Amino acid sequence: MKRHRLHLTRKEREETQPRRLGKHKYEEDLPEVLFTEQVNGNLRTLHGAHALLKDRLKSYQRRELIEPRKRQIKKKSKMLMKYEPGARGARESENQKEIDALNTQIKEKKKKF
């Protein structure tokens, strides 16, 4: 009997909630309510909702047209390159000297054959 009741309540809950389309579940936002300090006496001077695009996106997610998404946080890269002024040129000239020395050795070996 208890298991049957649990099954019925789970079914009712699934009928009211939209299906899961993607990785995340659909989460309903709380309605935006103005505080008494923000409400003037006149309804004509009230400002409208500022999140119209967000409301449209939530509506699409509720109607199962778009899968629910979470905001992605951009990660900073852990590899930071530090450059020393003048060090790059000195290192390049040292490497070039080594390359020239190896090239001369190769040329000498080719002359012997």
N, C-alpha and C. Protein backbone atom coordinates (compact mmCIF):
# COMPACT_ATOMS: atom_id res chain seq x y z
N MET A 1 0.83 -1.20 0.00
CA MET A 1 0.00 0.00 0.00
C MET A 1 0.87 1.26 0.00
N LYS A 2 1.88 1.25 0.88
CA LYS A 2 2.76 2.41 0.97
C LYS A 2 3.54 2.61 -0.32
N ARG A 3 3.99 1.50 -0.89
CA ARG A 3 4.76 1.56 -2.13
C ARG A 3 3.88 2.11 -3.27
N HIS A 4 2.63 1.72 -3.27
CA HIS A 4 1.69 2.20 -4.29
C HIS A 4 1.47 3.71 -4.17
N ARG A 5 1.36 4.19 -2.92
CA ARG A 5 1.21 5.63 -2.69
C ARG A 5 2.43 6.39 -3.17
N LEU A 6 3.63 5.87 -2.84
CA LEU A 6 4.87 6.51 -3.29
C LEU A 6 4.93 6.57 -4.82
N HIS A 7 4.51 5.49 -5.45
CA HIS A 7 4.52 5.44 -6.91
C HIS A 7 3.57 6.49 -7.50
N LEU A 8 2.40 6.65 -6.90
CA LEU A 8 1.44 7.65 -7.38
C LEU A 8 1.96 9.07 -7.19
N THR A 9 2.55 9.35 -6.02
CA THR A 9 3.07 10.70 -5.79
C THR A 9 4.22 11.00 -6.73
N ARG A 10 5.06 10.02 -7.00
CA ARG A 10 6.18 10.22 -7.93
C ARG A 10 5.65 10.51 -9.33
N LYS A 11 4.61 9.80 -9.74
CA LYS A 11 4.03 10.03 -11.06
C LYS A 11 3.44 11.42 -11.17
N GLU A 12 2.74 11.87 -10.12
CA GLU A 12 2.17 13.21 -10.12
C GLU A 12 3.25 14.27 -10.22
N ARG A 13 4.33 14.06 -9.50
CA ARG A 13 5.44 15.01 -9.51
C ARG A 13 6.08 15.06 -10.90
N GLU A 14 6.24 13.90 -11.54
CA GLU A 14 6.83 13.85 -12.87
C GLU A 14 5.94 14.53 -13.91
N GLU A 15 4.62 14.46 -13.74
CA GLU A 15 3.71 15.09 -14.68
C GLU A 15 3.78 16.61 -14.60
N THR A 16 3.98 17.14 -13.40
CA THR A 16 4.04 18.59 -13.25
C THR A 16 5.38 19.15 -13.68
N GLN A 17 6.46 18.41 -13.51
CA GLN A 17 7.80 18.88 -13.87
C GLN A 17 8.10 18.55 -15.32
N PRO A 18 8.85 19.41 -16.02
CA PRO A 18 9.24 19.08 -17.40
C PRO A 18 10.25 17.94 -17.41
N ARG A 19 10.30 17.24 -18.54
CA ARG A 19 11.25 16.13 -18.67
C ARG A 19 12.68 16.63 -18.64
N ARG A 20 13.58 15.75 -18.30
CA ARG A 20 15.00 16.09 -18.30
C ARG A 20 15.53 15.89 -19.72
N LEU A 21 15.98 16.98 -20.35
CA LEU A 21 16.46 16.90 -21.73
C LEU A 21 17.97 16.77 -21.80
N GLY A 22 18.66 17.37 -20.86
CA GLY A 22 20.12 17.36 -20.91
C GLY A 22 20.71 16.92 -19.60
N LYS A 23 21.87 17.46 -19.32
CA LYS A 23 22.61 17.08 -18.12
C LYS A 23 21.97 17.64 -16.85
N HIS A 24 21.40 18.84 -16.95
CA HIS A 24 20.88 19.53 -15.76
C HIS A 24 19.36 19.43 -15.69
N LYS A 25 18.85 19.55 -14.47
CA LYS A 25 17.40 19.57 -14.27
C LYS A 25 16.89 20.99 -14.42
N TYR A 26 15.63 21.11 -14.78
CA TYR A 26 15.00 22.43 -14.86
C TYR A 26 14.71 22.92 -13.45
N GLU A 27 15.15 24.13 -13.15
CA GLU A 27 14.90 24.73 -11.84
C GLU A 27 14.10 26.00 -12.04
N GLU A 28 12.98 26.07 -11.37
CA GLU A 28 12.10 27.24 -11.48
C GLU A 28 12.71 28.40 -10.70
N ASP A 29 12.71 29.59 -11.29
CA ASP A 29 13.20 30.78 -10.58
C ASP A 29 12.10 31.33 -9.69
N LEU A 30 12.52 31.99 -8.63
CA LEU A 30 11.55 32.66 -7.77
C LEU A 30 11.03 33.90 -8.48
N PRO A 31 9.77 34.22 -8.33
CA PRO A 31 9.24 35.42 -9.01
C PRO A 31 9.84 36.69 -8.42
N GLU A 32 10.07 37.66 -9.28
CA GLU A 32 10.63 38.93 -8.82
C GLU A 32 9.53 39.77 -8.19
N VAL A 33 9.77 40.17 -6.96
CA VAL A 33 8.77 40.94 -6.20
C VAL A 33 9.42 42.24 -5.75
N LEU A 34 8.71 43.34 -5.90
CA LEU A 34 9.22 44.63 -5.45
C LEU A 34 8.95 44.82 -3.96
N PHE A 35 9.90 45.45 -3.28
CA PHE A 35 9.70 45.78 -1.87
C PHE A 35 8.80 47.00 -1.76
N THR A 36 8.30 47.23 -0.56
CA THR A 36 7.38 48.36 -0.36
C THR A 36 8.08 49.69 -0.61
N GLU A 37 9.41 49.75 -0.37
CA GLU A 37 10.15 51.00 -0.62
C GLU A 37 10.26 51.28 -2.11
N GLN A 38 10.29 50.21 -2.92
CA GLN A 38 10.45 50.37 -4.36
C GLN A 38 9.12 50.71 -5.05
N VAL A 39 8.02 50.40 -4.42
CA VAL A 39 6.72 50.66 -5.01
C VAL A 39 6.31 52.08 -4.67
N ASN A 40 6.10 52.89 -5.71
CA ASN A 40 5.59 54.24 -5.48
C ASN A 40 4.09 54.12 -5.29
N GLY A 41 3.32 55.09 -5.36
CA GLY A 41 1.89 54.96 -5.23
C GLY A 41 1.20 54.71 -6.55
N ASN A 42 1.91 54.93 -7.66
CA ASN A 42 1.30 54.91 -8.96
C ASN A 42 1.79 53.70 -9.77
N LEU A 43 0.88 52.93 -10.36
CA LEU A 43 1.27 51.77 -11.15
C LEU A 43 1.88 52.17 -12.49
N ARG A 44 1.57 53.37 -12.96
CA ARG A 44 2.11 53.82 -14.26
C ARG A 44 3.60 54.11 -14.18
N THR A 45 4.09 54.47 -13.01
CA THR A 45 5.51 54.82 -12.89
C THR A 45 6.38 53.62 -12.52
N LEU A 46 5.79 52.44 -12.34
CA LEU A 46 6.59 51.25 -12.02
C LEU A 46 7.45 50.85 -13.20
N HIS A 47 8.66 50.41 -12.91
CA HIS A 47 9.56 49.95 -13.95
C HIS A 47 9.25 48.50 -14.28
N GLY A 48 9.44 48.13 -15.54
CA GLY A 48 9.15 46.77 -15.99
C GLY A 48 10.27 45.81 -15.59
N ALA A 49 10.11 44.58 -15.99
CA ALA A 49 11.11 43.54 -15.70
C ALA A 49 12.37 43.82 -16.51
N HIS A 50 13.50 43.61 -15.88
CA HIS A 50 14.78 43.88 -16.54
C HIS A 50 15.35 42.63 -17.20
N ALA A 51 14.79 41.47 -16.89
CA ALA A 51 15.36 40.22 -17.38
C ALA A 51 14.41 39.56 -18.37
N LEU A 52 14.04 40.26 -19.43
CA LEU A 52 13.11 39.70 -20.41
C LEU A 52 13.71 38.52 -21.15
N LEU A 53 14.99 38.62 -21.51
CA LEU A 53 15.64 37.54 -22.23
C LEU A 53 15.76 36.30 -21.36
N LYS A 54 16.07 36.52 -20.08
CA LYS A 54 16.17 35.40 -19.15
C LYS A 54 14.81 34.72 -18.98
N ASP A 55 13.73 35.52 -18.93
CA ASP A 55 12.39 34.96 -18.82
C ASP A 55 12.02 34.13 -20.05
N ARG A 56 12.39 34.61 -21.24
CA ARG A 56 12.11 33.85 -22.46
C ARG A 56 12.85 32.52 -22.46
N LEU A 57 14.12 32.55 -22.03
CA LEU A 57 14.94 31.34 -21.99
C LEU A 57 14.34 30.32 -21.02
N LYS A 58 13.91 30.79 -19.84
CA LYS A 58 13.28 29.90 -18.86
C LYS A 58 11.98 29.32 -19.40
N SER A 59 11.23 30.12 -20.15
CA SER A 59 9.98 29.65 -20.75
C SER A 59 10.26 28.53 -21.75
N TYR A 60 11.29 28.69 -22.57
CA TYR A 60 11.66 27.64 -23.53
C TYR A 60 12.09 26.37 -22.80
N GLN A 61 12.82 26.54 -21.71
CA GLN A 61 13.27 25.37 -20.95
C GLN A 61 12.08 24.66 -20.31
N ARG A 62 11.11 25.41 -19.81
CA ARG A 62 9.93 24.82 -19.17
C ARG A 62 9.09 24.06 -20.20
N ARG A 63 9.01 24.60 -21.43
CA ARG A 63 8.22 23.95 -22.48
C ARG A 63 9.00 22.87 -23.22
N GLU A 64 10.21 22.57 -22.75
CA GLU A 64 11.08 21.51 -23.27
C GLU A 64 11.50 21.75 -24.71
N LEU A 65 11.73 23.02 -25.07
CA LEU A 65 12.25 23.35 -26.39
C LEU A 65 13.77 23.48 -26.37
N ILE A 66 14.31 23.85 -25.21
CA ILE A 66 15.76 23.99 -25.01
C ILE A 66 16.12 23.24 -23.74
N GLU A 67 17.29 22.60 -23.73
CA GLU A 67 17.70 21.91 -22.52
C GLU A 67 18.17 22.94 -21.48
N PRO A 68 17.95 22.66 -20.19
CA PRO A 68 18.42 23.58 -19.14
C PRO A 68 19.94 23.66 -19.13
N ARG A 69 20.45 24.85 -18.90
CA ARG A 69 21.90 25.07 -18.92
C ARG A 69 22.32 25.81 -17.68
N LYS A 70 23.59 25.64 -17.32
CA LYS A 70 24.18 26.36 -16.21
C LYS A 70 25.23 27.30 -16.77
N ARG A 71 25.46 28.38 -16.08
CA ARG A 71 26.46 29.35 -16.52
C ARG A 71 27.85 28.76 -16.35
N GLN A 72 28.68 28.86 -17.38
CA GLN A 72 30.03 28.33 -17.34
C GLN A 72 30.98 29.41 -16.85
N ILE A 73 31.86 29.03 -15.96
CA ILE A 73 32.84 29.96 -15.41
C ILE A 73 34.14 29.79 -16.20
N LYS A 74 34.67 30.90 -16.67
CA LYS A 74 35.93 30.84 -17.41
C LYS A 74 37.07 30.65 -16.43
N LYS A 75 37.92 29.68 -16.73
CA LYS A 75 39.06 29.40 -15.87
C LYS A 75 40.29 30.11 -16.41
N LYS A 76 41.08 30.65 -15.51
CA LYS A 76 42.32 31.27 -15.92
C LYS A 76 43.37 30.18 -16.11
N SER A 77 44.23 30.36 -17.08
CA SER A 77 45.24 29.35 -17.32
C SER A 77 46.28 29.38 -16.20
N LYS A 78 46.76 28.21 -15.83
CA LYS A 78 47.73 28.10 -14.75
C LYS A 78 49.15 28.41 -15.22
N MET A 79 49.36 28.25 -16.52
CA MET A 79 50.69 28.49 -17.06
C MET A 79 50.87 29.97 -17.35
N LEU A 80 51.72 30.60 -16.62
CA LEU A 80 52.04 32.01 -16.85
C LEU A 80 53.45 32.10 -17.39
N MET A 81 53.61 32.75 -18.52
CA MET A 81 54.92 32.92 -19.13
C MET A 81 55.53 34.22 -18.60
N LYS A 82 56.74 34.12 -18.11
CA LYS A 82 57.45 35.31 -17.65
C LYS A 82 58.61 35.57 -18.60
N TYR A 83 58.64 36.76 -19.12
CA TYR A 83 59.69 37.14 -20.05
C TYR A 83 60.64 38.10 -19.36
N GLU A 84 61.92 37.85 -19.58
CA GLU A 84 62.94 38.77 -19.09
C GLU A 84 63.43 39.58 -20.28
N PRO A 85 63.51 40.88 -20.11
CA PRO A 85 63.96 41.69 -21.25
C PRO A 85 65.41 41.38 -21.61
N GLY A 86 65.66 41.10 -22.88
CA GLY A 86 67.01 40.82 -23.35
C GLY A 86 67.40 39.36 -23.24
N ALA A 87 66.71 38.57 -22.44
CA ALA A 87 67.10 37.18 -22.24
C ALA A 87 66.80 36.36 -23.50
N ARG A 88 65.76 36.70 -24.18
CA ARG A 88 65.38 35.93 -25.36
C ARG A 88 66.44 36.04 -26.45
N GLY A 89 66.94 37.23 -26.69
CA GLY A 89 67.95 37.43 -27.72
C GLY A 89 69.25 36.72 -27.39
N ALA A 90 69.64 36.74 -26.12
CA ALA A 90 70.88 36.08 -25.72
C ALA A 90 70.75 34.57 -25.88
N ARG A 91 69.63 34.04 -25.51
CA ARG A 91 69.40 32.60 -25.62
C ARG A 91 69.38 32.17 -27.09
N GLU A 92 68.78 32.99 -27.93
CA GLU A 92 68.74 32.68 -29.36
C GLU A 92 70.13 32.68 -29.96
N SER A 93 70.93 33.65 -29.57
CA SER A 93 72.29 33.70 -30.13
C SER A 93 73.12 32.51 -29.67
N GLU A 94 72.93 32.06 -28.41
CA GLU A 94 73.65 30.87 -27.94
C GLU A 94 73.22 29.63 -28.71
N ASN A 95 71.92 29.49 -28.92
CA ASN A 95 71.42 28.34 -29.68
C ASN A 95 71.91 28.38 -31.12
N GLN A 96 71.96 29.57 -31.71
CA GLN A 96 72.43 29.69 -33.09
C GLN A 96 73.90 29.29 -33.19
N LYS A 97 74.72 29.65 -32.20
CA LYS A 97 76.15 29.26 -32.20
C LYS A 97 76.28 27.74 -32.15
N GLU A 98 75.43 27.09 -31.34
CA GLU A 98 75.47 25.63 -31.26
C GLU A 98 75.07 25.01 -32.59
N ILE A 99 74.07 25.58 -33.23
CA ILE A 99 73.61 25.05 -34.53
C ILE A 99 74.70 25.23 -35.58
N ASP A 100 75.38 26.38 -35.57
CA ASP A 100 76.45 26.61 -36.53
C ASP A 100 77.60 25.63 -36.31
N ALA A 101 77.93 25.36 -35.05
CA ALA A 101 78.99 24.40 -34.75
C ALA A 101 78.62 23.00 -35.25
N LEU A 102 77.39 22.59 -35.04
CA LEU A 102 76.96 21.28 -35.52
C LEU A 102 76.97 21.21 -37.05
N ASN A 103 76.55 22.29 -37.69
CA ASN A 103 76.57 22.32 -39.16
C ASN A 103 77.99 22.22 -39.71
N THR A 104 78.91 22.89 -39.08
CA THR A 104 80.32 22.79 -39.54
C THR A 104 80.85 21.37 -39.34
N GLN A 105 80.48 20.71 -38.25
CA GLN A 105 80.92 19.32 -38.04
C GLN A 105 80.34 18.39 -39.11
N ILE A 106 79.09 18.61 -39.47
CA ILE A 106 78.46 17.78 -40.50
C ILE A 106 79.15 18.00 -41.84
N LYS A 107 79.47 19.26 -42.16
CA LYS A 107 80.16 19.56 -43.42
C LYS A 107 81.52 18.91 -43.47
N GLU A 108 82.26 18.90 -42.36
CA GLU A 108 83.58 18.28 -42.31
C GLU A 108 83.48 16.78 -42.52
N LYS A 109 82.47 16.16 -41.94
CA LYS A 109 82.30 14.71 -42.10
C LYS A 109 81.95 14.37 -43.54
N LYS A 110 81.14 15.24 -44.21
CA LYS A 110 80.79 14.99 -45.59
C LYS A 110 82.02 15.13 -46.51
N LYS A 111 82.93 16.06 -46.17
CA LYS A 111 84.14 16.25 -46.98
C LYS A 111 85.05 15.05 -46.90
N LYS A 112 85.08 14.39 -45.74
CA LYS A 112 85.93 13.21 -45.57
C LYS A 112 85.48 12.05 -46.45
N PHE A 113 84.20 11.95 -46.68
CA PHE A 113 83.69 10.85 -47.49
C PHE A 113 83.75 11.22 -48.92
